PDB file of N, CA and C in Angstrom:
ATOM      1  N   MET A   1      83.051  64.365 110.955  1.00  0.00           N
ATOM      2  CA  MET A   1      82.809  65.359 112.020  1.00  0.00           C
ATOM      3  C   MET A   1      82.421  66.591 111.440  1.00  0.00           C
ATOM      4  N   ASP A   2      81.260  67.254 111.602  1.00  0.00           N
ATOM      5  CA  ASP A   2      80.782  68.502 111.139  1.00  0.00           C
ATOM      6  C   ASP A   2      81.434  69.635 111.899  1.00  0.00           C
ATOM      7  N   VAL A   3      81.998  70.606 111.099  1.00  0.00           N
ATOM      8  CA  VAL A   3      82.531  71.833 111.870  1.00  0.00           C
ATOM      9  C   VAL A   3      81.406  72.772 112.042  1.00  0.00           C
ATOM     10  N   PRO A   4      81.379  73.254 113.373  1.00  0.00           N
ATOM     11  CA  PRO A   4      80.180  74.189 113.714  1.00  0.00           C
ATOM     12  C   PRO A   4      80.305  75.483 112.905  1.00  0.00           C
ATOM     13  N   ARG A   5      79.072  76.031 112.616  1.00  0.00           N
ATOM     14  CA  ARG A   5      78.977  77.070 111.731  1.00  0.00           C
ATOM     15  C   ARG A   5      79.843  78.417 112.390  1.00  0.00           C
ATOM     16  N   GLN A   6      79.788  78.532 113.613  1.00  0.00           N
ATOM     17  CA  GLN A   6      80.607  79.538 114.264  1.00  0.00           C
ATOM     18  C   GLN A   6      82.057  79.374 113.986  1.00  0.00           C
ATOM     19  N   VAL A   7      82.551  78.271 113.912  1.00  0.00           N
ATOM     20  CA  VAL A   7      83.983  77.890 113.596  1.00  0.00           C
ATOM     21  C   VAL A   7      84.296  78.231 112.162  1.00  0.00           C
ATOM     22  N   GLN A   8      83.379  77.905 111.187  1.00  0.00           N
ATOM     23  CA  GLN A   8      83.466  78.127 109.882  1.00  0.00           C
ATOM     24  C   GLN A   8      83.497  79.633 109.639  1.00  0.00           C
ATOM     25  N   ASP A   9      82.649  80.346 110.254  1.00  0.00           N
ATOM     26  CA  ASP A   9      82.593  81.862 110.098  1.00  0.00           C
ATOM     27  C   ASP A   9      83.934  82.363 110.533  1.00  0.00           C
ATOM     28  N   LYS A  10      84.480  82.002 111.588  1.00  0.00           N
ATOM     29  CA  LYS A  10      85.627  82.604 112.187  1.00  0.00           C
ATOM     30  C   LYS A  10      86.762  82.198 111.094  1.00  0.00           C
ATOM     31  N   LEU A  11      86.863  80.991 110.671  1.00  0.00           N
ATOM     32  CA  LEU A  11      87.866  80.619 109.747  1.00  0.00           C
ATOM     33  C   LEU A  11      87.834  81.457 108.549  1.00  0.00           C
ATOM     34  N   ALA A  12      86.641  81.846 108.064  1.00  0.00           N
ATOM     35  CA  ALA A  12      86.474  82.631 106.814  1.00  0.00           C
ATOM     36  C   ALA A  12      86.969  84.013 107.126  1.00  0.00           C
ATOM     37  N   GLN A  13      86.718  84.582 108.409  1.00  0.00           N
ATOM     38  CA  GLN A  13      87.258  85.911 108.631  1.00  0.00           C
ATOM     39  C   GLN A  13      88.752  85.744 108.691  1.00  0.00           C
ATOM     40  N   PHE A  14      89.159  84.801 109.451  1.00  0.00           N
ATOM     41  CA  PHE A  14      90.675  84.604 109.515  1.00  0.00           C
ATOM     42  C   PHE A  14      91.527  84.608 108.165  1.00  0.00           C
ATOM     43  N   GLN A  15      90.810  83.942 107.138  1.00  0.00           N
ATOM     44  CA  GLN A  15      91.372  83.606 105.963  1.00  0.00           C
ATOM     45  C   GLN A  15      91.394  85.045 105.240  1.00  0.00           C
ATOM     46  N   ASN A  16      90.258  85.793 105.459  1.00  0.00           N
ATOM     47  CA  ASN A  16      90.092  87.223 104.836  1.00  0.00           C
ATOM     48  C   ASN A  16      91.129  88.081 105.526  1.00  0.00           C
ATOM     49  N   LEU A  17      91.458  88.027 106.686  1.00  0.00           N
ATOM     50  CA  LEU A  17      92.444  88.804 107.273  1.00  0.00           C
ATOM     51  C   LEU A  17      93.848  88.498 106.768  1.00  0.00           C
ATOM     52  N   GLN A  18      94.098  87.172 106.580  1.00  0.00           N
ATOM     53  CA  GLN A  18      95.305  86.683 106.064  1.00  0.00           C
ATOM     54  C   GLN A  18      95.715  87.390 104.604  1.00  0.00           C
ATOM     55  N   ASN A  19      94.510  87.498 103.747  1.00  0.00           N
ATOM     56  CA  ASN A  19      94.593  87.955 102.481  1.00  0.00           C
ATOM     57  C   ASN A  19      94.890  89.518 102.563  1.00  0.00           C
ATOM     58  N   GLN A  20      94.184  90.157 103.489  1.00  0.00           N
ATOM     59  CA  GLN A  20      94.343  91.488 103.571  1.00  0.00           C
ATOM     60  C   GLN A  20      95.917  91.930 103.940  1.00  0.00           C
ATOM     61  N   LEU A  21      96.413  91.079 105.027  1.00  0.00           N
ATOM     62  CA  LEU A  21      97.812  91.247 105.346  1.00  0.00           C
ATOM     63  C   LEU A  21      98.761  91.074 104.143  1.00  0.00           C
ATOM     64  N   GLN A  22      98.530  90.017 103.354  1.00  0.00           N
ATOM     65  CA  GLN A  22      99.282  89.666 102.259  1.00  0.00           C
ATOM     66  C   GLN A  22      99.341  90.916 101.261  1.00  0.00           C
ATOM     67  N   MET A  23      98.208  91.412 101.010  1.00  0.00           N
ATOM     68  CA  MET A  23      98.135  92.557 100.031  1.00  0.00           C
ATOM     69  C   MET A  23      98.762  93.797 100.587  1.00  0.00           C
ATOM     70  N   VAL A  24      98.650  94.091 101.801  1.00  0.00           N
ATOM     71  CA  VAL A  24      99.244  95.271 102.420  1.00  0.00           C
ATOM     72  C   VAL A  24     100.792  94.997 102.503  1.00  0.00           C
ATOM     73  N   SER A  25     101.261  93.896 102.602  1.00  0.00           N
ATOM     74  CA  SER A  25     102.709  93.496 102.718  1.00  0.00           C
ATOM     75  C   SER A  25     103.192  93.712 101.184  1.00  0.00           C
ATOM     76  N   ILE A  26     102.562  93.190 100.265  1.00  0.00           N
ATOM     77  CA  ILE A  26     103.022  93.354  98.844  1.00  0.00           C
ATOM     78  C   ILE A  26     103.021  94.875  98.380  1.00  0.00           C
ATOM     79  N   GLN A  27     102.016  95.689  98.890  1.00  0.00           N
ATOM     80  CA  GLN A  27     102.154  97.042  98.554  1.00  0.00           C
ATOM     81  C   GLN A  27     103.234  97.722  99.067  1.00  0.00           C
ATOM     82  N   ARG A  28     103.543  97.419 100.530  1.00  0.00           N
ATOM     83  CA  ARG A  28     104.654  97.943 101.097  1.00  0.00           C
ATOM     84  C   ARG A  28     105.925  97.640 100.485  1.00  0.00           C
ATOM     85  N   GLN A  29     106.168  96.439 100.052  1.00  0.00           N
ATOM     86  CA  GLN A  29     107.387  95.922  99.335  1.00  0.00           C
ATOM     87  C   GLN A  29     107.609  96.605  98.044  1.00  0.00           C
ATOM     88  N   GLN A  30     106.400  96.760  97.313  1.00  0.00           N
ATOM     89  CA  GLN A  30     106.584  97.454  96.169  1.00  0.00           C
ATOM     90  C   GLN A  30     107.072  98.921  96.180  1.00  0.00           C
ATOM     91  N   LEU A  31     106.543  99.624  97.281  1.00  0.00           N
ATOM     92  CA  LEU A  31     106.894 100.959  97.533  1.00  0.00           C
ATOM     93  C   LEU A  31     108.361 101.134  98.015  1.00  0.00           C
ATOM     94  N   THR A  32     108.794 100.092  98.821  1.00  0.00           N
ATOM     95  CA  THR A  32     110.059  99.972  99.382  1.00  0.00           C
ATOM     96  C   THR A  32     111.030  99.870  98.012  1.00  0.00           C
ATOM     97  N   LEU A  33     110.752  99.088  97.153  1.00  0.00           N
ATOM     98  CA  LEU A  33     111.539  98.823  95.908  1.00  0.00           C
ATOM     99  C   LEU A  33     111.622 100.090  95.163  1.00  0.00           C
ATOM    100  N   GLY A  34     110.394 100.726  95.065  1.00  0.00           N
ATOM    101  CA  GLY A  34     110.346 102.218  94.317  1.00  0.00           C
ATOM    102  C   GLY A  34     111.273 103.245  94.966  1.00  0.00           C
ATOM    103  N   ASN A  35     111.229 103.109  96.182  1.00  0.00           N
ATOM    104  CA  ASN A  35     111.915 104.147  97.082  1.00  0.00           C
ATOM    105  C   ASN A  35     113.492 103.913  96.832  1.00  0.00           C
ATOM    106  N   THR A  36     113.893 102.503  96.705  1.00  0.00           N
ATOM    107  CA  THR A  36     115.322 102.288  96.459  1.00  0.00           C
ATOM    108  C   THR A  36     115.611 102.767  94.870  1.00  0.00           C
ATOM    109  N   ASP A  37     114.669 102.557  93.998  1.00  0.00           N
ATOM    110  CA  ASP A  37     114.941 103.019  92.691  1.00  0.00           C
ATOM    111  C   ASP A  37     115.177 104.694  92.719  1.00  0.00           C
ATOM    112  N   ILE A  38     114.487 105.363  93.556  1.00  0.00           N
ATOM    113  CA  ILE A  38     114.341 106.789  93.589  1.00  0.00           C
ATOM    114  C   ILE A  38     115.756 107.158  94.191  1.00  0.00           C
ATOM    115  N   SER A  39     116.203 106.414  95.239  1.00  0.00           N
ATOM    116  CA  SER A  39     117.514 106.766  95.851  1.00  0.00           C
ATOM    117  C   SER A  39     118.572 106.517  94.971  1.00  0.00           C
ATOM    118  N   ASN A  40     118.515 105.532  94.034  1.00  0.00           N
ATOM    119  CA  ASN A  40     119.528 105.273  93.166  1.00  0.00           C
ATOM    120  C   ASN A  40     119.598 106.279  91.940  1.00  0.00           C
ATOM    121  N   ALA A  41     118.429 106.771  91.651  1.00  0.00           N
ATOM    122  CA  ALA A  41     118.282 107.842  90.565  1.00  0.00           C
ATOM    123  C   ALA A  41     118.962 109.310  91.287  1.00  0.00           C
ATOM    124  N   LYS A  42     118.578 109.504  92.466  1.00  0.00           N
ATOM    125  CA  LYS A  42     119.210 110.524  93.085  1.00  0.00           C
ATOM    126  C   LYS A  42     120.722 110.524  92.999  1.00  0.00           C
ATOM    127  N   LYS A  43     121.275 109.438  93.362  1.00  0.00           N
ATOM    128  CA  LYS A  43     122.793 109.343  93.435  1.00  0.00           C
ATOM    129  C   LYS A  43     123.384 109.546  91.993  1.00  0.00           C
ATOM    130  N   GLU A  44     122.536 108.923  91.029  1.00  0.00           N
ATOM    131  CA  GLU A  44     123.092 109.130  89.604  1.00  0.00           C
ATOM    132  C   GLU A  44     122.870 110.519  89.180  1.00  0.00           C
ATOM    133  N   LEU A  45     122.044 111.260  89.677  1.00  0.00           N
ATOM    134  CA  LEU A  45     121.702 112.602  89.175  1.00  0.00           C
ATOM    135  C   LEU A  45     122.654 113.500  89.862  1.00  0.00           C
ATOM    136  N   ASP A  46     123.282 113.123  91.042  1.00  0.00           N
ATOM    137  CA  ASP A  46     124.234 113.935  91.703  1.00  0.00           C
ATOM    138  C   ASP A  46     125.506 113.895  90.806  1.00  0.00           C
ATOM    139  N   LYS A  47     125.803 112.775  90.206  1.00  0.00           N
ATOM    140  CA  LYS A  47     127.074 112.632  89.468  1.00  0.00           C
ATOM    141  C   LYS A  47     126.934 113.479  88.157  1.00  0.00           C
ATOM    142  N   VAL A  48     125.869 113.915  87.652  1.00  0.00           N
ATOM    143  CA  VAL A  48     125.754 114.425  86.352  1.00  0.00           C
ATOM    144  C   VAL A  48     126.082 115.884  86.474  1.00  0.00           C
ATOM    145  N   SER A  49     126.936 116.347  85.591  1.00  0.00           N
ATOM    146  CA  SER A  49     127.529 117.676  85.556  1.00  0.00           C
ATOM    147  C   SER A  49     126.616 118.669  84.772  1.00  0.00           C
ATOM    148  N   ASP A  50     125.963 117.995  83.791  1.00  0.00           N
ATOM    149  CA  ASP A  50     125.003 118.807  82.939  1.00  0.00           C
ATOM    150  C   ASP A  50     123.776 119.260  83.672  1.00  0.00           C
ATOM    151  N   GLU A  51     123.322 120.561  83.596  1.00  0.00           N
ATOM    152  CA  GLU A  51     122.076 120.996  84.171  1.00  0.00           C
ATOM    153  C   GLU A  51     120.876 120.556  83.421  1.00  0.00           C
ATOM    154  N   ARG A  52     120.898 120.087  82.176  1.00  0.00           N
ATOM    155  CA  ARG A  52     119.699 119.600  81.507  1.00  0.00           C
ATOM    156  C   ARG A  52     119.706 118.074  81.664  1.00  0.00           C
ATOM    157  N   VAL A  53     118.559 117.650  82.297  1.00  0.00           N
ATOM    158  CA  VAL A  53     118.212 116.278  82.454  1.00  0.00           C
ATOM    159  C   VAL A  53     116.816 116.018  81.871  1.00  0.00           C
ATOM    160  N   TYR A  54     116.438 114.727  81.722  1.00  0.00           N
ATOM    161  CA  TYR A  54     115.179 114.230  81.295  1.00  0.00           C
ATOM    162  C   TYR A  54     114.469 113.554  82.247  1.00  0.00           C
ATOM    163  N   ARG A  55     113.131 113.640  82.258  1.00  0.00           N
ATOM    164  CA  ARG A  55     112.262 112.789  83.138  1.00  0.00           C
ATOM    165  C   ARG A  55     111.166 112.236  82.253  1.00  0.00           C
ATOM    166  N   MET A  56     110.873 110.927  82.673  1.00  0.00           N
ATOM    167  CA  MET A  56     109.766 110.135  82.153  1.00  0.00           C
ATOM    168  C   MET A  56     108.313 110.647  82.694  1.00  0.00           C
ATOM    169  N   VAL A  57     107.475 111.035  81.897  1.00  0.00           N
ATOM    170  CA  VAL A  57     106.143 111.315  82.290  1.00  0.00           C
ATOM    171  C   VAL A  57     105.307 110.574  81.300  1.00  0.00           C
ATOM    172  N   GLY A  58     104.768 109.439  81.904  1.00  0.00           N
ATOM    173  CA  GLY A  58     104.032 108.449  81.076  1.00  0.00           C
ATOM    174  C   GLY A  58     104.827 108.117  79.895  1.00  0.00           C
ATOM    175  N   PRO A  59     104.380 108.113  78.732  1.00  0.00           N
ATOM    176  CA  PRO A  59     105.268 107.668  77.535  1.00  0.00           C
ATOM    177  C   PRO A  59     106.077 108.838  76.973  1.00  0.00           C
ATOM    178  N   LEU A  60     106.079 109.930  77.775  1.00  0.00           N
ATOM    179  CA  LEU A  60     106.933 111.027  77.135  1.00  0.00           C
ATOM    180  C   LEU A  60     108.238 111.232  77.858  1.00  0.00           C
ATOM    181  N   LEU A  61     109.176 111.734  77.407  1.00  0.00           N
ATOM    182  CA  LEU A  61     110.474 112.106  77.864  1.00  0.00           C
ATOM    183  C   LEU A  61     110.567 113.489  77.893  1.00  0.00           C
ATOM    184  N   LEU A  62     110.531 114.367  79.038  1.00  0.00           N
ATOM    185  CA  LEU A  62     110.535 115.864  79.074  1.00  0.00           C
ATOM    186  C   LEU A  62     111.840 116.199  79.611  1.00  0.00           C
ATOM    187  N   GLU A  63     112.235 117.388  79.062  1.00  0.00           N
ATOM    188  CA  GLU A  63     113.334 117.978  79.602  1.00  0.00           C
ATOM    189  C   GLU A  63     113.163 118.800  80.819  1.00  0.00           C
ATOM    190  N   THR A  64     114.116 118.797  81.725  1.00  0.00           N
ATOM    191  CA  THR A  64     113.978 119.628  82.921  1.00  0.00           C
ATOM    192  C   THR A  64     115.372 119.939  83.408  1.00  0.00           C
ATOM    193  N   ASN A  65     115.491 120.762  84.458  1.00  0.00           N
ATOM    194  CA  ASN A  65     116.964 121.067  84.878  1.00  0.00           C
ATOM    195  C   ASN A  65     117.177 120.048  86.127  1.00  0.00           C
ATOM    196  N   LYS A  66     118.485 119.994  86.379  1.00  0.00           N
ATOM    197  CA  LYS A  66     118.851 119.041  87.410  1.00  0.00           C
ATOM    198  C   LYS A  66     118.361 119.293  88.783  1.00  0.00           C
ATOM    199  N   ASP A  67     118.099 120.523  89.307  1.00  0.00           N
ATOM    200  CA  ASP A  67     117.468 120.892  90.480  1.00  0.00           C
ATOM    201  C   ASP A  67     116.071 120.418  90.637  1.00  0.00           C
ATOM    202  N   GLU A  68     115.363 120.743  89.533  1.00  0.00           N
ATOM    203  CA  GLU A  68     114.026 120.298  89.425  1.00  0.00           C
ATOM    204  C   GLU A  68     113.818 118.744  89.502  1.00  0.00           C
ATOM    205  N   GLY A  69     114.827 118.113  88.765  1.00  0.00           N
ATOM    206  CA  GLY A  69     114.859 116.612  88.882  1.00  0.00           C
ATOM    207  C   GLY A  69     114.936 116.165  90.229  1.00  0.00           C
ATOM    208  N   LEU A  70     115.892 116.745  90.978  1.00  0.00           N
ATOM    209  CA  LEU A  70     116.263 116.212  92.280  1.00  0.00           C
ATOM    210  C   LEU A  70     114.950 116.689  93.237  1.00  0.00           C
ATOM    211  N   LYS A  71     114.270 117.728  93.006  1.00  0.00           N
ATOM    212  CA  LYS A  71     113.281 118.113  93.837  1.00  0.00           C
ATOM    213  C   LYS A  71     112.103 117.194  93.622  1.00  0.00           C
ATOM    214  N   TYR A  72     111.929 116.768  92.339  1.00  0.00           N
ATOM    215  CA  TYR A  72     110.853 115.827  92.027  1.00  0.00           C
ATOM    216  C   TYR A  72     111.074 114.491  92.845  1.00  0.00           C
ATOM    217  N   LEU A  73     112.341 114.053  92.667  1.00  0.00           N
ATOM    218  CA  LEU A  73     112.845 112.690  93.286  1.00  0.00           C
ATOM    219  C   LEU A  73     112.496 112.783  94.864  1.00  0.00           C
ATOM    220  N   GLU A  74     112.958 113.860  95.415  1.00  0.00           N
ATOM    221  CA  GLU A  74     112.777 114.242  96.860  1.00  0.00           C
ATOM    222  C   GLU A  74     111.128 114.046  97.306  1.00  0.00           C
ATOM    223  N   ASP A  75     110.554 114.567  96.485  1.00  0.00           N
ATOM    224  CA  ASP A  75     109.012 114.659  96.717  1.00  0.00           C
ATOM    225  C   ASP A  75     108.540 113.201  96.670  1.00  0.00           C
ATOM    226  N   GLU A  76     108.912 112.633  95.570  1.00  0.00           N
ATOM    227  CA  GLU A  76     108.535 111.245  95.383  1.00  0.00           C
ATOM    228  C   GLU A  76     108.978 110.362  96.596  1.00  0.00           C
ATOM    229  N   SER A  77     110.104 110.484  96.936  1.00  0.00           N
ATOM    230  CA  SER A  77     110.662 109.708  98.164  1.00  0.00           C
ATOM    231  C   SER A  77     109.964 109.938  99.305  1.00  0.00           C
ATOM    232  N   GLU A  78     109.668 111.200  99.596  1.00  0.00           N
ATOM    233  CA  GLU A  78     108.986 111.577 100.764  1.00  0.00           C
ATOM    234  C   GLU A  78     107.544 110.848 100.831  1.00  0.00           C
ATOM    235  N   SER A  79     106.822 110.946  99.645  1.00  0.00           N
ATOM    236  CA  SER A  79     105.592 110.495  99.606  1.00  0.00           C
ATOM    237  C   SER A  79     105.563 108.834  99.653  1.00  0.00           C
ATOM    238  N   ALA A  80     106.612 108.238  99.200  1.00  0.00           N
ATOM    239  CA  ALA A  80     106.533 106.825  99.356  1.00  0.00           C
ATOM    240  C   ALA A  80     106.947 106.425 100.761  1.00  0.00           C
ATOM    241  N   THR A  81     107.900 107.192 101.313  1.00  0.00           N
ATOM    242  CA  THR A  81     108.185 106.999 102.848  1.00  0.00           C
ATOM    243  C   THR A  81     106.891 106.976 103.710  1.00  0.00           C
ATOM    244  N   ASN A  82     106.190 107.986 103.448  1.00  0.00           N
ATOM    245  CA  ASN A  82     104.752 108.251 104.236  1.00  0.00           C
ATOM    246  C   ASN A  82     103.921 107.076 104.106  1.00  0.00           C
ATOM    247  N   LYS A  83     103.891 106.652 102.814  1.00  0.00           N
ATOM    248  CA  LYS A  83     102.884 105.508 102.522  1.00  0.00           C
ATOM    249  C   LYS A  83     103.415 104.236 103.048  1.00  0.00           C
ATOM    250  N   ILE A  84     104.920 104.021 103.176  1.00  0.00           N
ATOM    251  CA  ILE A  84     105.413 102.794 103.728  1.00  0.00           C
ATOM    252  C   ILE A  84     105.041 102.905 105.192  1.00  0.00           C
ATOM    253  N   LYS A  85     105.236 103.939 105.927  1.00  0.00           N
ATOM    254  CA  LYS A  85     104.890 104.041 107.293  1.00  0.00           C
ATOM    255  C   LYS A  85     103.519 103.618 107.632  1.00  0.00           C
ATOM    256  N   LEU A  86     102.600 104.100 106.780  1.00  0.00           N
ATOM    257  CA  LEU A  86     101.236 103.916 107.000  1.00  0.00           C
ATOM    258  C   LEU A  86     100.879 102.309 106.796  1.00  0.00           C
ATOM    259  N   LEU A  87     101.453 101.786 105.801  1.00  0.00           N
ATOM    260  CA  LEU A  87     101.374 100.322 105.664  1.00  0.00           C
ATOM    261  C   LEU A  87     101.974  99.483 106.561  1.00  0.00           C
ATOM    262  N   GLU A  88     103.024  99.919 107.146  1.00  0.00           N
ATOM    263  CA  GLU A  88     103.725  99.269 108.212  1.00  0.00           C
ATOM    264  C   GLU A  88     102.725  99.080 109.423  1.00  0.00           C
ATOM    265  N   GLY A  89     102.089 100.355 109.757  1.00  0.00           N
ATOM    266  CA  GLY A  89     101.185 100.367 110.826  1.00  0.00           C
ATOM    267  C   GLY A  89      99.893  99.498 110.500  1.00  0.00           C
ATOM    268  N   GLN A  90      99.433  99.284 109.240  1.00  0.00           N
ATOM    269  CA  GLN A  90      98.387  98.542 108.976  1.00  0.00           C
ATOM    270  C   GLN A  90      98.785  97.104 109.133  1.00  0.00           C
ATOM    271  N   GLU A  91      99.980  96.802 108.732  1.00  0.00           N
ATOM    272  CA  GLU A  91     100.492  95.389 108.887  1.00  0.00           C
ATOM    273  C   GLU A  91     100.602  94.915 110.336  1.00  0.00           C
ATOM    274  N   ARG A  92     101.050  95.917 111.091  1.00  0.00           N
ATOM    275  CA  ARG A  92     101.053  95.501 112.592  1.00  0.00           C
ATOM    276  C   ARG A  92      99.818  95.222 113.190  1.00  0.00           C
ATOM    277  N   LYS A  93      98.773  96.060 112.777  1.00  0.00           N
ATOM    278  CA  LYS A  93      97.353  95.953 113.344  1.00  0.00           C
ATOM    279  C   LYS A  93      96.765  94.637 112.749  1.00  0.00           C
ATOM    280  N   LEU A  94      96.897  94.310 111.571  1.00  0.00           N
ATOM    281  CA  LEU A  94      96.448  93.224 110.916  1.00  0.00           C
ATOM    282  C   LEU A  94      97.009  91.911 111.603  1.00  0.00           C
ATOM    283  N   ALA A  95      98.392  91.882 111.797  1.00  0.00           N
ATOM    284  CA  ALA A  95      99.154  90.782 112.350  1.00  0.00           C
ATOM    285  C   ALA A  95      98.540  90.537 113.943  1.00  0.00           C
ATOM    286  N   GLU A  96      98.375  91.589 114.594  1.00  0.00           N
ATOM    287  CA  GLU A  96      97.778  91.505 115.969  1.00  0.00           C
ATOM    288  C   GLU A  96      96.362  90.849 115.951  1.00  0.00           C
ATOM    289  N   LYS A  97      95.483  91.397 114.973  1.00  0.00           N
ATOM    290  CA  LYS A  97      94.226  90.716 114.749  1.00  0.00           C
ATOM    291  C   LYS A  97      94.350  89.364 114.457  1.00  0.00           C
ATOM    292  N   LEU A  98      95.221  88.878 113.605  1.00  0.00           N
ATOM    293  CA  LEU A  98      95.308  87.555 113.169  1.00  0.00           C
ATOM    294  C   LEU A  98      95.879  86.555 114.415  1.00  0.00           C
ATOM    295  N   ASN A  99      96.655  87.199 115.152  1.00  0.00           N
ATOM    296  CA  ASN A  99      97.035  86.317 116.308  1.00  0.00           C
ATOM    297  C   ASN A  99      95.931  86.255 117.352  1.00  0.00           C
ATOM    298  N   GLN A 100      95.289  87.284 117.619  1.00  0.00           N
ATOM    299  CA  GLN A 100      94.052  87.204 118.430  1.00  0.00           C
ATOM    300  C   GLN A 100      92.982  86.214 117.927  1.00  0.00           C
ATOM    301  N   MET A 101      92.843  86.295 116.686  1.00  0.00           N
ATOM    302  CA  MET A 101      91.850  85.234 115.935  1.00  0.00           C
ATOM    303  C   MET A 101      92.247  83.961 116.035  1.00  0.00           C
ATOM    304  N   ARG A 102      93.678  83.750 115.810  1.00  0.00           N
ATOM    305  CA  ARG A 102      94.181  82.222 115.817  1.00  0.00           C
ATOM    306  C   ARG A 102      93.989  81.738 117.334  1.00  0.00           C
ATOM    307  N   ASP A 103      94.250  82.604 118.353  1.00  0.00           N
ATOM    308  CA  ASP A 103      93.881  82.162 119.636  1.00  0.00           C
ATOM    309  C   ASP A 103      92.425  81.733 119.848  1.00  0.00           C
ATOM    310  N   GLU A 104      91.535  82.624 119.364  1.00  0.00           N
ATOM    311  CA  GLU A 104      90.184  82.325 119.458  1.00  0.00           C
ATOM    312  C   GLU A 104      89.785  81.066 118.699  1.00  0.00           C
ATOM    313  N   LEU A 105      90.323  80.824 117.501  1.00  0.00           N
ATOM    314  CA  LEU A 105      90.101  79.677 116.830  1.00  0.00           C
ATOM    315  C   LEU A 105      90.509  78.393 117.514  1.00  0.00           C
ATOM    316  N   ASN A 106      91.745  78.453 117.954  1.00  0.00           N
ATOM    317  CA  ASN A 106      92.370  77.320 118.871  1.00  0.00           C
ATOM    318  C   ASN A 106      91.484  77.083 119.984  1.00  0.00           C
ATOM    319  N   ALA A 107      90.920  77.995 120.661  1.00  0.00           N
ATOM    320  CA  ALA A 107      90.047  77.713 121.803  1.00  0.00           C
ATOM    321  C   ALA A 107      88.922  77.182 121.343  1.00  0.00           C
ATOM    322  N   MET A 108      88.236  77.471 120.134  1.00  0.00           N
ATOM    323  CA  MET A 108      87.116  76.919 119.740  1.00  0.00           C
ATOM    324  C   MET A 108      87.117  75.450 119.283  1.00  0.00           C
ATOM    325  N   ILE A 109      88.354  75.193 118.637  1.00  0.00           N
ATOM    326  CA  ILE A 109      88.568  73.874 118.013  1.00  0.00           C
ATOM    327  C   ILE A 109      88.898  72.833 119.092  1.00  0.00           C
ATOM    328  N   LYS A 110      89.745  73.394 120.081  1.00  0.00           N
ATOM    329  CA  LYS A 110      90.277  72.511 121.143  1.00  0.00           C
ATOM    330  C   LYS A 110      89.147  71.684 121.841  1.00  0.00           C
ATOM    331  N   PRO A 111      89.378  70.352 121.923  1.00  0.00           N
ATOM    332  CA  PRO A 111      88.397  69.455 122.562  1.00  0.00           C
ATOM    333  C   PRO A 111      88.120  69.802 123.961  1.00  0.00           C
ATOM    334  N   GLN A 112      86.779  69.884 124.227  1.00  0.00           N
ATOM    335  CA  GLN A 112      86.484  70.283 125.533  1.00  0.00           C
ATOM    336  C   GLN A 112      86.512  68.971 126.513  1.00  0.00           C
ATOM    337  N   ASN A 113      87.230  69.199 127.574  1.00  0.00           N
ATOM    338  CA  ASN A 113      87.280  68.276 128.645  1.00  0.00           C
ATOM    339  C   ASN A 113      86.058  68.362 129.565  1.00  0.00           C
ATOM    340  N   PRO A 114      85.220  67.398 129.764  1.00  0.00           N
ATOM    341  CA  PRO A 114      84.013  67.397 130.616  1.00  0.00           C
ATOM    342  C   PRO A 114      84.311  67.291 132.030  1.00  0.00           C
TER     343      PRO A 114
END
């Protein structure tokens, strides 16, 4: 049985959307893990009594003070949180499109009763 070209095209679009959703989900998960690391770093930094701390910048370890370190972590956390919210919105939209397209595909594939 040959699959009509229209169904093949719709299936290709469906698979493309699935891949997009998977990529967005992976990005969101990575940012969420990064945000957890930032939260843990802030907790540890709060325990430090010394005002002098160090921060990794690429391959370098730079000296900074505790307040600047906390500010940096706060900024990074806020940025990650904003990106996570954006990705969650993209995930919802992609999931809605996938569900709609799944329904369309089912209607196209379903045997027609004469």
